[in-house]
Amino acid sequence: MNRSAGLLSALYLATSTGLAWTAVLALRHDPPWAVCLFAAASLVPVIALVRESVLCDQRRALAEMWRRAAGPGGPGAQAADDIVRAELDTACCERWWTSCGTDHDSACRRRVPRNSAA
């Protein structure tokens, strides 16, 4: 957890504690609906704190995954190279690439001549 996330977590805990204390004070002197309102409001920062910790874990896992994939000759880099190489090997002409595989250049070896016989 970095410094800003720790500060935000401390702020969430302080807010939750303050709202819970207000709910206790409202229990002594105020109507029951106010107690329920403050008790429910004291749970919102706790939910936010849990969400922040989950996001922090996800960011850490994503950074680790990128670190592994970006390494020299790592499995991610090798897989990307293999995919690009396979796609380039199956290409036959520039027009085929630009027409999404529907048309070929006139000099292409894979060109199928069209005839008018139906």
C-alpha atoms as a PDB file:
ATOM      1  CA  MET A   1       0.000   0.000   0.000  1.00  0.00           C
ATOM      2  CA  ASN A   2       1.439   3.367  -0.941  1.00  0.00           C
ATOM      3  CA  ARG A   3       1.345   6.527   1.144  1.00  0.00           C
ATOM      4  CA  SER A   4      -1.778   8.062  -0.420  1.00  0.00           C
ATOM      5  CA  ALA A   5      -3.745   4.816  -0.056  1.00  0.00           C
ATOM      6  CA  GLY A   6      -2.697   4.591   3.593  1.00  0.00           C
ATOM      7  CA  LEU A   7      -3.767   8.186   4.206  1.00  0.00           C
ATOM      8  CA  LEU A   8      -7.092   7.547   2.489  1.00  0.00           C
ATOM      9  CA  SER A   9      -7.623   4.406   4.584  1.00  0.00           C
ATOM     10  CA  ALA A  10      -6.920   6.339   7.782  1.00  0.00           C
ATOM     11  CA  LEU A  11      -9.406   9.000   6.686  1.00  0.00           C
ATOM     12  CA  TYR A  12     -12.037   6.317   6.017  1.00  0.00           C
ATOM     13  CA  LEU A  13     -11.491   4.792   9.460  1.00  0.00           C
ATOM     14  CA  ALA A  14     -11.681   8.194  11.175  1.00  0.00           C
ATOM     15  CA  THR A  15     -14.892   9.048   9.334  1.00  0.00           C
ATOM     16  CA  SER A  16     -16.437   5.701  10.186  1.00  0.00           C
ATOM     17  CA  THR A  17     -15.471   6.065  13.837  1.00  0.00           C
ATOM     18  CA  GLY A  18     -16.916   9.587  13.982  1.00  0.00           C
ATOM     19  CA  LEU A  19     -20.188   8.485  12.429  1.00  0.00           C
ATOM     20  CA  ALA A  20     -20.426   5.489  14.774  1.00  0.00           C
ATOM     21  CA  TRP A  21     -19.841   7.777  17.783  1.00  0.00           C
ATOM     22  CA  THR A  22     -22.536  10.119  16.483  1.00  0.00           C
ATOM     23  CA  ALA A  23     -24.900   7.132  16.242  1.00  0.00           C
ATOM     24  CA  VAL A  24     -24.179   6.296  19.892  1.00  0.00           C
ATOM     25  CA  LEU A  25     -24.874   9.880  20.935  1.00  0.00           C
ATOM     26  CA  ALA A  26     -28.047   9.909  18.841  1.00  0.00           C
ATOM     27  CA  LEU A  27     -29.171   6.735  20.599  1.00  0.00           C
ATOM     28  CA  ARG A  28     -29.192   8.604  23.892  1.00  0.00           C
ATOM     29  CA  HIS A  29     -31.040  11.750  22.834  1.00  0.00           C
ATOM     30  CA  ASP A  30     -32.460  11.592  19.308  1.00  0.00           C
ATOM     31  CA  PRO A  31     -35.228   9.646  17.538  1.00  0.00           C
ATOM     32  CA  PRO A  32     -34.554   6.085  16.324  1.00  0.00           C
ATOM     33  CA  TRP A  33     -34.497   7.058  12.625  1.00  0.00           C
ATOM     34  CA  ALA A  34     -31.485   9.308  13.264  1.00  0.00           C
ATOM     35  CA  VAL A  35     -29.680   6.436  15.016  1.00  0.00           C
ATOM     36  CA  CYS A  36     -30.310   4.155  12.028  1.00  0.00           C
ATOM     37  CA  LEU A  37     -29.179   6.860   9.625  1.00  0.00           C
ATOM     38  CA  PHE A  38     -25.866   7.426  11.412  1.00  0.00           C
ATOM     39  CA  ALA A  39     -25.272   3.694  11.906  1.00  0.00           C
ATOM     40  CA  ALA A  40     -25.801   3.057   8.184  1.00  0.00           C
ATOM     41  CA  ALA A  41     -23.613   6.023   7.278  1.00  0.00           C
ATOM     42  CA  SER A  42     -20.809   4.653   9.472  1.00  0.00           C
ATOM     43  CA  LEU A  43     -20.722   1.495   7.307  1.00  0.00           C
ATOM     44  CA  VAL A  44     -20.121   3.356   4.032  1.00  0.00           C
ATOM     45  CA  PRO A  45     -16.461   4.261   4.791  1.00  0.00           C
ATOM     46  CA  VAL A  46     -15.809   0.655   5.853  1.00  0.00           C
ATOM     47  CA  ILE A  47     -17.094  -0.518   2.470  1.00  0.00           C
ATOM     48  CA  ALA A  48     -14.855   2.072   0.790  1.00  0.00           C
ATOM     49  CA  LEU A  49     -11.868   0.835   2.806  1.00  0.00           C
ATOM     50  CA  VAL A  50     -12.464  -2.748   1.688  1.00  0.00           C
ATOM     51  CA  ARG A  51     -12.843  -1.570  -1.900  1.00  0.00           C
ATOM     52  CA  GLU A  52      -9.563   0.340  -1.725  1.00  0.00           C
ATOM     53  CA  SER A  53      -7.725  -2.717  -0.413  1.00  0.00           C
ATOM     54  CA  VAL A  54      -9.161  -4.896  -3.198  1.00  0.00           C
ATOM     55  CA  LEU A  55      -8.153  -2.322  -5.821  1.00  0.00           C
ATOM     56  CA  CYS A  56      -4.663  -2.147  -4.333  1.00  0.00           C
ATOM     57  CA  ASP A  57      -4.323  -5.929  -4.565  1.00  0.00           C
ATOM     58  CA  GLN A  58      -5.564  -5.916  -8.154  1.00  0.00           C
ATOM     59  CA  ARG A  59      -3.108  -3.175  -9.130  1.00  0.00           C
ATOM     60  CA  ARG A  60      -0.273  -5.109  -7.514  1.00  0.00           C
ATOM     61  CA  ALA A  61      -1.238  -8.326  -9.331  1.00  0.00           C
ATOM     62  CA  LEU A  62      -1.550  -6.485 -12.657  1.00  0.00           C
ATOM     63  CA  ALA A  63       1.844  -4.836 -12.196  1.00  0.00           C
ATOM     64  CA  GLU A  64       3.402  -8.219 -11.442  1.00  0.00           C
ATOM     65  CA  MET A  65       1.769  -9.742 -14.513  1.00  0.00           C
ATOM     66  CA  TRP A  66       3.069  -6.911 -16.722  1.00  0.00           C
ATOM     67  CA  ARG A  67       6.517  -7.236 -15.172  1.00  0.00           C
ATOM     68  CA  ARG A  68       6.620 -10.934 -16.022  1.00  0.00           C
ATOM     69  CA  ALA A  69       5.298 -10.420 -19.561  1.00  0.00           C
ATOM     70  CA  ALA A  70       7.562  -7.471 -20.336  1.00  0.00           C
ATOM     71  CA  GLY A  71      10.758  -9.218 -19.331  1.00  0.00           C
ATOM     72  CA  PRO A  72      13.275  -9.930 -22.071  1.00  0.00           C
ATOM     73  CA  GLY A  73      12.173 -13.065 -23.825  1.00  0.00           C
ATOM     74  CA  GLY A  74       9.320 -13.574 -21.362  1.00  0.00           C
ATOM     75  CA  PRO A  75       6.367 -15.782 -22.232  1.00  0.00           C
ATOM     76  CA  GLY A  76       4.153 -12.793 -23.056  1.00  0.00           C
ATOM     77  CA  ALA A  77       6.637 -11.272 -25.460  1.00  0.00           C
ATOM     78  CA  GLN A  78       7.297 -14.634 -27.093  1.00  0.00           C
ATOM     79  CA  ALA A  79       3.576 -15.326 -27.543  1.00  0.00           C
ATOM     80  CA  ALA A  80       3.031 -11.925 -29.160  1.00  0.00           C
ATOM     81  CA  ASP A  81       5.951 -12.527 -31.509  1.00  0.00           C
ATOM     82  CA  ASP A  82       4.576 -15.938 -32.463  1.00  0.00           C
ATOM     83  CA  ILE A  83       1.132 -14.510 -33.218  1.00  0.00           C
ATOM     84  CA  VAL A  84       2.532 -11.721 -35.394  1.00  0.00           C
ATOM     85  CA  ARG A  85       4.841 -14.131 -37.209  1.00  0.00           C
ATOM     86  CA  ALA A  86       1.970 -16.540 -37.934  1.00  0.00           C
ATOM     87  CA  GLU A  87      -0.229 -13.752 -39.269  1.00  0.00           C
ATOM     88  CA  LEU A  88       2.531 -12.435 -41.509  1.00  0.00           C
ATOM     89  CA  ASP A  89       3.210 -15.935 -42.828  1.00  0.00           C
ATOM     90  CA  THR A  90      -0.417 -16.346 -43.900  1.00  0.00           C
ATOM     91  CA  ALA A  91      -0.511 -13.004 -45.706  1.00  0.00           C
ATOM     92  CA  CYS A  92      -0.367 -13.125 -49.449  1.00  0.00           C
ATOM     93  CA  CYS A  93      -0.639  -9.537 -50.753  1.00  0.00           C
ATOM     94  CA  GLU A  94      -1.255  -5.995 -49.602  1.00  0.00           C
ATOM     95  CA  ARG A  95      -4.721  -5.748 -51.133  1.00  0.00           C
ATOM     96  CA  TRP A  96      -5.721  -8.899 -49.264  1.00  0.00           C
ATOM     97  CA  TRP A  97      -4.742  -7.193 -45.990  1.00  0.00           C
ATOM     98  CA  THR A  98      -6.520  -3.934 -46.793  1.00  0.00           C
ATOM     99  CA  SER A  99      -9.700  -5.604 -48.073  1.00  0.00           C
ATOM    100  CA  CYS A 100      -9.979  -7.899 -45.015  1.00  0.00           C
ATOM    101  CA  GLY A 101      -9.277 -11.002 -47.053  1.00  0.00           C
ATOM    102  CA  THR A 102     -11.870 -10.455 -49.787  1.00  0.00           C
ATOM    103  CA  ASP A 103      -9.709  -9.407 -52.762  1.00  0.00           C
ATOM    104  CA  HIS A 104      -6.186 -10.078 -54.074  1.00  0.00           C
ATOM    105  CA  ASP A 105      -3.660  -8.170 -56.175  1.00  0.00           C
ATOM    106  CA  SER A 106      -3.495  -9.119 -59.854  1.00  0.00           C
ATOM    107  CA  ALA A 107       0.018 -10.544 -59.360  1.00  0.00           C
ATOM    108  CA  CYS A 108      -0.868 -12.500 -56.202  1.00  0.00           C
ATOM    109  CA  ARG A 109      -0.128 -16.224 -56.382  1.00  0.00           C
ATOM    110  CA  ARG A 110      -3.272 -17.061 -54.385  1.00  0.00           C
ATOM    111  CA  ARG A 111      -5.592 -15.066 -56.590  1.00  0.00           C
ATOM    112  CA  VAL A 112      -8.511 -17.050 -57.920  1.00  0.00           C
ATOM    113  CA  PRO A 113      -9.561 -15.737 -61.335  1.00  0.00           C
ATOM    114  CA  ARG A 114     -13.192 -14.789 -61.560  1.00  0.00           C
ATOM    115  CA  ASN A 115     -15.176 -15.956 -64.516  1.00  0.00           C
ATOM    116  CA  SER A 116     -18.574 -14.918 -65.707  1.00  0.00           C
ATOM    117  CA  ALA A 117     -19.923 -18.441 -66.039  1.00  0.00           C
ATOM    118  CA  ALA A 118     -22.546 -19.111 -63.461  1.00  0.00           C
END
